[in-house]
Amino acid sequence: MYTDALEFLDEERDAWRPFEALDGLSDEQLAKPCPGAHGWSGRDLMGHLLAWLENALAVARELAMGEKSPTMARSDADWDARGGETINAELQERFAALPLDELRARFRSVPGELRGTLTVVPESRWLKHSDHFRWILDETLDHYADHQSDLDAIVSQAADAG
């Protein structure tokens, strides 16, 4: 699918760019639940995306050091055992408790840190490793696509509110 890491990283960067609009919303706009986004607020969406990007960053760090990722194995086992609804609800609660300034700072920094870390992971450990690449894709490009309509609804709601 991708001939080299740079091709993937460029596409990932372009796909992430629209989500940066969340950081441009006021604190009040971020806090307002949005019916068109499953009742999530912009803050909820930021935290949800950030949680999975931080997980991907942990995996990338491990793959930079070795052939396997204990974080990936634990994450997959947890997902299989408890399911996404439970895990995502816990993540939403955890990120709701985070001070908004910290959430914003991490939301700004983690995506770039993930990209930077992936540049030092040998391609054989992620881009050319079908299981690892599928996992990274699930946490980035595919995940962004899954939440594009949520982003659109939240940004539209904020624009309509003025």
N, C-alpha and C. Protein backbone atom coordinates (compact mmCIF):
# COMPACT_ATOMS: atom_id res chain seq x y z
N MET A 1 0.82 -1.20 0.00
CA MET A 1 0.00 0.00 0.00
C MET A 1 0.87 1.26 0.00
N TYR A 2 1.83 1.34 0.91
CA TYR A 2 2.75 2.48 0.97
C TYR A 2 4.14 1.98 0.61
N THR A 3 4.82 2.76 -0.20
CA THR A 3 6.16 2.35 -0.62
C THR A 3 7.23 2.70 0.41
N ASP A 4 6.96 3.73 1.21
CA ASP A 4 7.90 4.08 2.27
C ASP A 4 7.17 4.83 3.38
N ALA A 5 7.86 4.98 4.49
CA ALA A 5 7.27 5.60 5.68
C ALA A 5 6.83 7.04 5.41
N LEU A 6 7.61 7.78 4.67
CA LEU A 6 7.28 9.18 4.41
C LEU A 6 5.92 9.31 3.72
N GLU A 7 5.63 8.42 2.80
CA GLU A 7 4.35 8.45 2.11
C GLU A 7 3.19 8.28 3.11
N PHE A 8 3.32 7.32 4.01
CA PHE A 8 2.30 7.13 5.04
C PHE A 8 2.22 8.34 5.96
N LEU A 9 3.36 8.82 6.44
CA LEU A 9 3.38 9.93 7.39
C LEU A 9 2.79 11.20 6.79
N ASP A 10 3.03 11.45 5.50
CA ASP A 10 2.41 12.60 4.84
C ASP A 10 0.89 12.45 4.78
N GLU A 11 0.44 11.26 4.45
CA GLU A 11 -1.01 11.03 4.39
C GLU A 11 -1.64 11.13 5.78
N GLU A 12 -0.96 10.59 6.77
CA GLU A 12 -1.46 10.68 8.15
C GLU A 12 -1.54 12.12 8.59
N ARG A 13 -0.52 12.91 8.29
CA ARG A 13 -0.52 14.33 8.67
C ARG A 13 -1.68 15.07 8.03
N ASP A 14 -1.92 14.82 6.76
CA ASP A 14 -3.03 15.47 6.05
C ASP A 14 -4.38 15.06 6.64
N ALA A 15 -4.51 13.80 7.02
CA ALA A 15 -5.77 13.31 7.59
C ALA A 15 -6.01 13.86 8.99
N TRP A 16 -4.95 14.13 9.73
CA TRP A 16 -5.08 14.68 11.08
C TRP A 16 -5.43 16.17 11.07
N ARG A 17 -4.95 16.88 10.07
CA ARG A 17 -5.09 18.34 10.03
C ARG A 17 -6.50 18.85 10.34
N PRO A 18 -7.58 18.27 9.78
CA PRO A 18 -8.91 18.80 10.10
C PRO A 18 -9.26 18.71 11.59
N PHE A 19 -8.71 17.73 12.30
CA PHE A 19 -9.02 17.57 13.72
C PHE A 19 -8.39 18.67 14.57
N GLU A 20 -7.40 19.35 14.03
CA GLU A 20 -6.79 20.46 14.74
C GLU A 20 -7.78 21.60 14.96
N ALA A 21 -8.88 21.60 14.22
CA ALA A 21 -9.93 22.60 14.41
C ALA A 21 -10.50 22.53 15.83
N LEU A 22 -10.46 21.37 16.44
CA LEU A 22 -10.96 21.24 17.81
C LEU A 22 -10.20 22.14 18.76
N ASP A 23 -8.90 22.26 18.55
CA ASP A 23 -8.08 23.09 19.42
C ASP A 23 -8.40 24.57 19.25
N GLY A 24 -9.02 24.92 18.13
CA GLY A 24 -9.39 26.31 17.89
C GLY A 24 -10.72 26.71 18.51
N LEU A 25 -11.45 25.74 19.06
CA LEU A 25 -12.72 26.05 19.69
C LEU A 25 -12.50 26.62 21.09
N SER A 26 -13.42 27.45 21.52
CA SER A 26 -13.33 28.00 22.88
C SER A 26 -13.59 26.88 23.89
N ASP A 27 -13.26 27.15 25.12
CA ASP A 27 -13.50 26.17 26.18
C ASP A 27 -14.99 25.84 26.26
N GLU A 28 -15.83 26.84 26.10
CA GLU A 28 -17.28 26.64 26.16
C GLU A 28 -17.76 25.78 24.98
N GLN A 29 -17.25 26.05 23.80
CA GLN A 29 -17.62 25.27 22.63
C GLN A 29 -17.17 23.82 22.77
N LEU A 30 -15.99 23.62 23.33
CA LEU A 30 -15.47 22.26 23.53
C LEU A 30 -16.30 21.48 24.55
N ALA A 31 -16.88 22.17 25.49
CA ALA A 31 -17.62 21.50 26.58
C ALA A 31 -19.04 21.11 26.18
N LYS A 32 -19.58 21.69 25.13
CA LYS A 32 -20.99 21.48 24.78
C LYS A 32 -21.19 20.13 24.07
N PRO A 33 -22.05 19.26 24.66
CA PRO A 33 -22.35 17.99 23.98
C PRO A 33 -22.99 18.25 22.62
N CYS A 34 -22.73 17.37 21.68
CA CYS A 34 -23.22 17.54 20.32
C CYS A 34 -24.08 16.33 19.94
N PRO A 35 -25.37 16.54 19.72
CA PRO A 35 -26.23 15.41 19.33
C PRO A 35 -25.75 14.70 18.06
N GLY A 36 -25.18 15.44 17.13
CA GLY A 36 -24.71 14.85 15.88
C GLY A 36 -23.41 14.07 16.02
N ALA A 37 -22.84 14.05 17.23
CA ALA A 37 -21.59 13.32 17.50
C ALA A 37 -21.83 12.34 18.65
N HIS A 38 -22.96 11.67 18.63
CA HIS A 38 -23.30 10.67 19.65
C HIS A 38 -23.35 11.26 21.05
N GLY A 39 -23.61 12.58 21.12
CA GLY A 39 -23.66 13.24 22.41
C GLY A 39 -22.31 13.64 22.96
N TRP A 40 -21.25 13.34 22.21
CA TRP A 40 -19.92 13.73 22.65
C TRP A 40 -19.73 15.22 22.50
N SER A 41 -18.92 15.78 23.34
CA SER A 41 -18.47 17.16 23.18
C SER A 41 -17.17 17.15 22.38
N GLY A 42 -16.73 18.33 22.00
CA GLY A 42 -15.43 18.43 21.34
C GLY A 42 -14.32 17.94 22.25
N ARG A 43 -14.46 18.23 23.53
CA ARG A 43 -13.48 17.76 24.52
C ARG A 43 -13.45 16.24 24.55
N ASP A 44 -14.63 15.61 24.50
CA ASP A 44 -14.70 14.14 24.49
C ASP A 44 -13.97 13.58 23.27
N LEU A 45 -14.21 14.19 22.11
CA LEU A 45 -13.56 13.71 20.90
C LEU A 45 -12.05 13.91 20.98
N MET A 46 -11.62 15.04 21.49
CA MET A 46 -10.18 15.27 21.65
C MET A 46 -9.57 14.19 22.54
N GLY A 47 -10.19 13.93 23.66
CA GLY A 47 -9.66 12.94 24.59
C GLY A 47 -9.65 11.55 23.99
N HIS A 48 -10.71 11.20 23.27
CA HIS A 48 -10.80 9.88 22.65
C HIS A 48 -9.67 9.68 21.64
N LEU A 49 -9.51 10.64 20.75
CA LEU A 49 -8.46 10.52 19.74
C LEU A 49 -7.08 10.51 20.39
N LEU A 50 -6.90 11.37 21.36
CA LEU A 50 -5.62 11.46 22.05
C LEU A 50 -5.27 10.16 22.76
N ALA A 51 -6.25 9.54 23.39
CA ALA A 51 -5.99 8.29 24.11
C ALA A 51 -5.42 7.24 23.18
N TRP A 52 -5.99 7.10 22.00
CA TRP A 52 -5.53 6.07 21.07
C TRP A 52 -4.23 6.47 20.39
N LEU A 53 -4.00 7.77 20.20
CA LEU A 53 -2.71 8.21 19.66
C LEU A 53 -1.60 7.99 20.68
N GLU A 54 -1.89 8.22 21.96
CA GLU A 54 -0.88 7.96 22.98
C GLU A 54 -0.57 6.46 23.06
N ASN A 55 -1.58 5.65 22.88
CA ASN A 55 -1.37 4.21 22.85
C ASN A 55 -0.47 3.84 21.66
N ALA A 56 -0.75 4.42 20.51
CA ALA A 56 0.07 4.17 19.32
C ALA A 56 1.50 4.67 19.54
N LEU A 57 1.65 5.78 20.22
CA LEU A 57 2.99 6.31 20.52
C LEU A 57 3.76 5.33 21.41
N ALA A 58 3.11 4.77 22.40
CA ALA A 58 3.77 3.78 23.26
C ALA A 58 4.21 2.58 22.43
N VAL A 59 3.37 2.14 21.52
CA VAL A 59 3.71 1.02 20.65
C VAL A 59 4.90 1.38 19.76
N ALA A 60 4.86 2.55 19.16
CA ALA A 60 5.96 2.98 18.28
C ALA A 60 7.29 3.04 19.05
N ARG A 61 7.24 3.52 20.28
CA ARG A 61 8.47 3.56 21.08
C ARG A 61 9.03 2.16 21.31
N GLU A 62 8.13 1.22 21.58
CA GLU A 62 8.58 -0.16 21.80
C GLU A 62 9.13 -0.77 20.52
N LEU A 63 8.48 -0.50 19.40
CA LEU A 63 8.95 -1.04 18.13
C LEU A 63 10.26 -0.39 17.69
N ALA A 64 10.52 0.81 18.15
CA ALA A 64 11.81 1.44 17.86
C ALA A 64 12.95 0.69 18.56
N MET A 65 12.61 0.02 19.66
CA MET A 65 13.62 -0.67 20.46
C MET A 65 13.68 -2.17 20.19
N GLY A 66 12.62 -2.73 19.63
CA GLY A 66 12.62 -4.17 19.44
C GLY A 66 11.53 -4.63 18.49
N GLU A 67 11.50 -5.92 18.28
CA GLU A 67 10.59 -6.53 17.30
C GLU A 67 9.14 -6.62 17.77
N LYS A 68 8.91 -6.54 19.08
CA LYS A 68 7.57 -6.73 19.62
C LYS A 68 7.15 -5.55 20.47
N SER A 69 5.83 -5.43 20.64
CA SER A 69 5.28 -4.37 21.47
C SER A 69 4.39 -4.97 22.55
N PRO A 70 4.85 -4.98 23.80
CA PRO A 70 4.00 -5.44 24.89
C PRO A 70 2.73 -4.59 25.02
N THR A 71 2.82 -3.30 24.74
CA THR A 71 1.64 -2.43 24.81
C THR A 71 0.59 -2.88 23.81
N MET A 72 1.01 -3.21 22.61
CA MET A 72 0.07 -3.67 21.59
C MET A 72 -0.62 -4.95 22.06
N ALA A 73 0.16 -5.88 22.57
CA ALA A 73 -0.40 -7.15 23.03
C ALA A 73 -1.39 -6.93 24.18
N ARG A 74 -1.01 -6.08 25.15
CA ARG A 74 -1.91 -5.79 26.28
C ARG A 74 -3.18 -5.10 25.81
N SER A 75 -3.03 -4.14 24.93
CA SER A 75 -4.17 -3.38 24.42
C SER A 75 -5.15 -4.29 23.68
N ASP A 76 -4.61 -5.15 22.83
CA ASP A 76 -5.47 -6.08 22.10
C ASP A 76 -6.18 -7.05 23.03
N ALA A 77 -5.46 -7.57 24.02
CA ALA A 77 -6.05 -8.51 24.98
C ALA A 77 -7.14 -7.82 25.80
N ASP A 78 -6.88 -6.59 26.22
CA ASP A 78 -7.87 -5.84 26.99
C ASP A 78 -9.12 -5.58 26.16
N TRP A 79 -8.93 -5.19 24.90
CA TRP A 79 -10.05 -4.94 24.00
C TRP A 79 -10.89 -6.20 23.82
N ASP A 80 -10.21 -7.31 23.62
CA ASP A 80 -10.91 -8.59 23.44
C ASP A 80 -11.65 -9.01 24.70
N ALA A 81 -11.05 -8.77 25.85
CA ALA A 81 -11.65 -9.22 27.12
C ALA A 81 -12.79 -8.31 27.59
N ARG A 82 -12.62 -6.99 27.44
CA ARG A 82 -13.60 -6.06 28.02
C ARG A 82 -14.45 -5.34 27.00
N GLY A 83 -13.98 -5.25 25.77
CA GLY A 83 -14.75 -4.60 24.72
C GLY A 83 -14.54 -3.10 24.65
N GLY A 84 -14.81 -2.59 23.47
CA GLY A 84 -14.57 -1.18 23.19
C GLY A 84 -15.47 -0.23 23.96
N GLU A 85 -16.71 -0.60 24.18
CA GLU A 85 -17.64 0.30 24.90
C GLU A 85 -17.10 0.61 26.30
N THR A 86 -16.68 -0.42 27.00
CA THR A 86 -16.17 -0.25 28.36
C THR A 86 -14.88 0.56 28.36
N ILE A 87 -13.97 0.18 27.50
CA ILE A 87 -12.67 0.87 27.44
C ILE A 87 -12.85 2.33 27.05
N ASN A 88 -13.64 2.59 26.02
CA ASN A 88 -13.84 3.97 25.59
C ASN A 88 -14.54 4.81 26.65
N ALA A 89 -15.47 4.22 27.40
CA ALA A 89 -16.13 4.95 28.49
C ALA A 89 -15.11 5.33 29.58
N GLU A 90 -14.21 4.40 29.89
CA GLU A 90 -13.17 4.69 30.87
C GLU A 90 -12.23 5.79 30.38
N LEU A 91 -11.90 5.74 29.11
CA LEU A 91 -11.02 6.77 28.53
C LEU A 91 -11.71 8.13 28.57
N GLN A 92 -12.99 8.16 28.24
CA GLN A 92 -13.74 9.42 28.26
C GLN A 92 -13.73 10.01 29.66
N GLU A 93 -13.93 9.16 30.66
CA GLU A 93 -13.92 9.62 32.05
C GLU A 93 -12.54 10.15 32.44
N ARG A 94 -11.50 9.42 32.05
CA ARG A 94 -10.13 9.83 32.39
C ARG A 94 -9.78 11.17 31.77
N PHE A 95 -10.13 11.36 30.51
CA PHE A 95 -9.77 12.61 29.84
C PHE A 95 -10.68 13.77 30.25
N ALA A 96 -11.88 13.47 30.72
CA ALA A 96 -12.76 14.52 31.23
C ALA A 96 -12.19 15.12 32.52
N ALA A 97 -11.44 14.32 33.27
CA ALA A 97 -10.86 14.79 34.53
C ALA A 97 -9.56 15.58 34.32
N LEU A 98 -9.02 15.52 33.12
CA LEU A 98 -7.76 16.21 32.82
C LEU A 98 -8.02 17.71 32.67
N PRO A 99 -7.18 18.56 33.25
CA PRO A 99 -7.34 20.00 33.03
C PRO A 99 -7.31 20.30 31.51
N LEU A 100 -8.18 21.19 31.08
CA LEU A 100 -8.31 21.47 29.65
C LEU A 100 -7.00 21.97 29.04
N ASP A 101 -6.24 22.75 29.76
CA ASP A 101 -4.95 23.22 29.23
C ASP A 101 -4.02 22.05 28.95
N GLU A 102 -4.02 21.06 29.83
CA GLU A 102 -3.18 19.89 29.61
C GLU A 102 -3.68 19.06 28.44
N LEU A 103 -5.00 18.90 28.35
CA LEU A 103 -5.58 18.18 27.22
C LEU A 103 -5.19 18.86 25.91
N ARG A 104 -5.32 20.17 25.86
CA ARG A 104 -4.95 20.91 24.63
C ARG A 104 -3.46 20.72 24.31
N ALA A 105 -2.62 20.83 25.31
CA ALA A 105 -1.18 20.71 25.07
C ALA A 105 -0.84 19.32 24.53
N ARG A 106 -1.39 18.30 25.11
CA ARG A 106 -1.13 16.94 24.63
C ARG A 106 -1.72 16.72 23.25
N PHE A 107 -2.90 17.28 23.01
CA PHE A 107 -3.55 17.16 21.71
C PHE A 107 -2.69 17.79 20.61
N ARG A 108 -2.00 18.87 20.96
CA ARG A 108 -1.11 19.54 20.01
C ARG A 108 0.19 18.77 19.79
N SER A 109 0.70 18.12 20.82
CA SER A 109 2.04 17.54 20.74
C SER A 109 2.10 16.07 20.35
N VAL A 110 1.17 15.27 20.81
CA VAL A 110 1.26 13.82 20.63
C VAL A 110 1.25 13.39 19.17
N PRO A 111 0.38 13.96 18.32
CA PRO A 111 0.40 13.50 16.92
C PRO A 111 1.77 13.69 16.26
N GLY A 112 2.40 14.81 16.48
CA GLY A 112 3.73 15.04 15.91
C GLY A 112 4.78 14.14 16.54
N GLU A 113 4.63 13.89 17.83
CA GLU A 113 5.57 13.00 18.51
C GLU A 113 5.45 11.57 17.95
N LEU A 114 4.22 11.16 17.68
CA LEU A 114 4.02 9.84 17.08
C LEU A 114 4.68 9.78 15.71
N ARG A 115 4.43 10.80 14.88
CA ARG A 115 5.06 10.82 13.56
C ARG A 115 6.57 10.76 13.67
N GLY A 116 7.13 11.57 14.55
CA GLY A 116 8.57 11.60 14.73
C GLY A 116 9.12 10.26 15.19
N THR A 117 8.41 9.63 16.10
CA THR A 117 8.86 8.32 16.59
C THR A 117 8.82 7.28 15.48
N LEU A 118 7.76 7.31 14.68
CA LEU A 118 7.67 6.34 13.58
C LEU A 118 8.80 6.48 12.59
N THR A 119 9.38 7.68 12.49
CA THR A 119 10.50 7.85 11.55
C THR A 119 11.74 7.09 12.00
N VAL A 120 11.85 6.76 13.29
CA VAL A 120 13.02 6.03 13.76
C VAL A 120 12.75 4.53 13.95
N VAL A 121 11.50 4.12 13.76
CA VAL A 121 11.18 2.70 13.82
C VAL A 121 11.56 2.09 12.47
N PRO A 122 12.35 1.04 12.47
CA PRO A 122 12.66 0.41 11.18
C PRO A 122 11.35 0.03 10.46
N GLU A 123 11.29 0.33 9.17
CA GLU A 123 10.08 0.04 8.40
C GLU A 123 9.69 -1.43 8.48
N SER A 124 10.66 -2.30 8.64
CA SER A 124 10.36 -3.74 8.73
C SER A 124 9.55 -4.07 9.98
N ARG A 125 9.57 -3.17 10.98
CA ARG A 125 8.84 -3.42 12.23
C ARG A 125 7.44 -2.82 12.24
N TRP A 126 7.13 -1.98 11.25
CA TRP A 126 5.77 -1.43 11.24
C TRP A 126 5.21 -1.33 9.84
N LEU A 127 5.80 -0.57 8.97
CA LEU A 127 5.23 -0.35 7.64
C LEU A 127 5.20 -1.63 6.82
N LYS A 128 6.22 -2.44 6.93
CA LYS A 128 6.31 -3.66 6.15
C LYS A 128 5.98 -4.91 6.98
N HIS A 129 5.47 -4.70 8.17
CA HIS A 129 5.02 -5.79 9.04
C HIS A 129 3.49 -5.70 9.06
N SER A 130 2.83 -6.65 8.43
CA SER A 130 1.39 -6.52 8.19
C SER A 130 0.57 -6.33 9.47
N ASP A 131 0.85 -7.08 10.52
CA ASP A 131 0.08 -6.94 11.76
C ASP A 131 0.33 -5.60 12.44
N HIS A 132 1.58 -5.22 12.53
CA HIS A 132 1.90 -3.95 13.18
C HIS A 132 1.38 -2.77 12.38
N PHE A 133 1.51 -2.86 11.07
CA PHE A 133 1.03 -1.76 10.24
C PHE A 133 -0.49 -1.64 10.35
N ARG A 134 -1.19 -2.74 10.31
CA ARG A 134 -2.65 -2.72 10.45
C ARG A 134 -3.04 -2.06 11.76
N TRP A 135 -2.28 -2.35 12.82
CA TRP A 135 -2.56 -1.78 14.14
C TRP A 135 -2.35 -0.27 14.13
N ILE A 136 -1.23 0.18 13.58
CA ILE A 136 -0.96 1.62 13.50
C ILE A 136 -2.02 2.31 12.63
N LEU A 137 -2.38 1.69 11.54
CA LEU A 137 -3.41 2.24 10.67
C LEU A 137 -4.74 2.37 11.40
N ASP A 138 -5.09 1.37 12.20
CA ASP A 138 -6.33 1.40 12.97
C ASP A 138 -6.36 2.55 13.97
N GLU A 139 -5.21 2.89 14.52
CA GLU A 139 -5.14 3.96 15.53
C GLU A 139 -5.02 5.35 14.92
N THR A 140 -4.72 5.42 13.64
CA THR A 140 -4.51 6.72 12.99
C THR A 140 -5.51 6.92 11.85
N LEU A 141 -5.12 6.67 10.64
CA LEU A 141 -5.95 6.99 9.48
C LEU A 141 -7.37 6.42 9.55
N ASP A 142 -7.48 5.15 9.88
CA ASP A 142 -8.81 4.55 9.94
C ASP A 142 -9.63 5.14 11.08
N HIS A 143 -8.97 5.44 12.18
CA HIS A 143 -9.66 6.02 13.33
C HIS A 143 -10.14 7.44 13.01
N TYR A 144 -9.32 8.20 12.33
CA TYR A 144 -9.73 9.55 11.94
C TYR A 144 -10.96 9.48 11.04
N ALA A 145 -10.94 8.58 10.09
CA ALA A 145 -12.08 8.43 9.18
C ALA A 145 -13.34 8.05 9.95
N ASP A 146 -13.19 7.20 10.96
CA ASP A 146 -14.34 6.80 11.78
C ASP A 146 -14.98 7.99 12.50
N HIS A 147 -14.18 9.01 12.79
CA HIS A 147 -14.68 10.14 13.58
C HIS A 147 -14.80 11.45 12.79
N GLN A 148 -14.65 11.38 11.48
CA GLN A 148 -14.79 12.59 10.67
C GLN A 148 -16.18 13.22 10.82
N SER A 149 -17.22 12.40 10.82
CA SER A 149 -18.58 12.95 10.94
C SER A 149 -18.80 13.57 12.32
N ASP A 150 -18.18 13.01 13.36
CA ASP A 150 -18.26 13.61 14.70
C ASP A 150 -17.59 14.98 14.70
N LEU A 151 -16.41 15.05 14.10
CA LEU A 151 -15.71 16.32 14.00
C LEU A 151 -16.56 17.35 13.26
N ASP A 152 -17.10 16.95 12.12
CA ASP A 152 -17.91 17.87 11.32
C ASP A 152 -19.10 18.40 12.12
N ALA A 153 -19.77 17.52 12.86
CA ALA A 153 -20.93 17.93 13.66
C ALA A 153 -20.52 18.90 14.77
N ILE A 154 -19.43 18.62 15.45
CA ILE A 154 -18.96 19.46 16.55
C ILE A 154 -18.54 20.83 16.04
N VAL A 155 -17.80 20.86 14.95
CA VAL A 155 -17.35 22.14 14.40
C VAL A 155 -18.55 22.94 13.86
N SER A 156 -19.48 22.26 13.24
CA SER A 156 -20.69 22.93 12.74
C SER A 156 -21.51 23.50 13.88
N GLN A 157 -21.67 22.73 14.93
CA GLN A 157 -22.40 23.21 16.11
C GLN A 157 -21.75 24.47 16.67
N ALA A 158 -20.42 24.47 16.76
CA ALA A 158 -19.71 25.63 17.28
C ALA A 158 -19.89 26.84 16.38
N ALA A 159 -19.85 26.62 15.06
CA ALA A 159 -20.02 27.72 14.10
C ALA A 159 -21.44 28.29 14.19
N ASP A 160 -22.42 27.41 14.34
CA ASP A 160 -23.81 27.85 14.43
C ASP A 160 -24.07 28.66 15.70
N ALA A 161 -23.34 28.34 16.76
CA ALA A 161 -23.52 29.03 18.03
C ALA A 161 -22.82 30.40 18.02
N GLY A 162 -21.94 30.57 17.03
CA GLY A 162 -21.24 31.84 16.89
C GLY A 162 -20.14 31.94 17.82
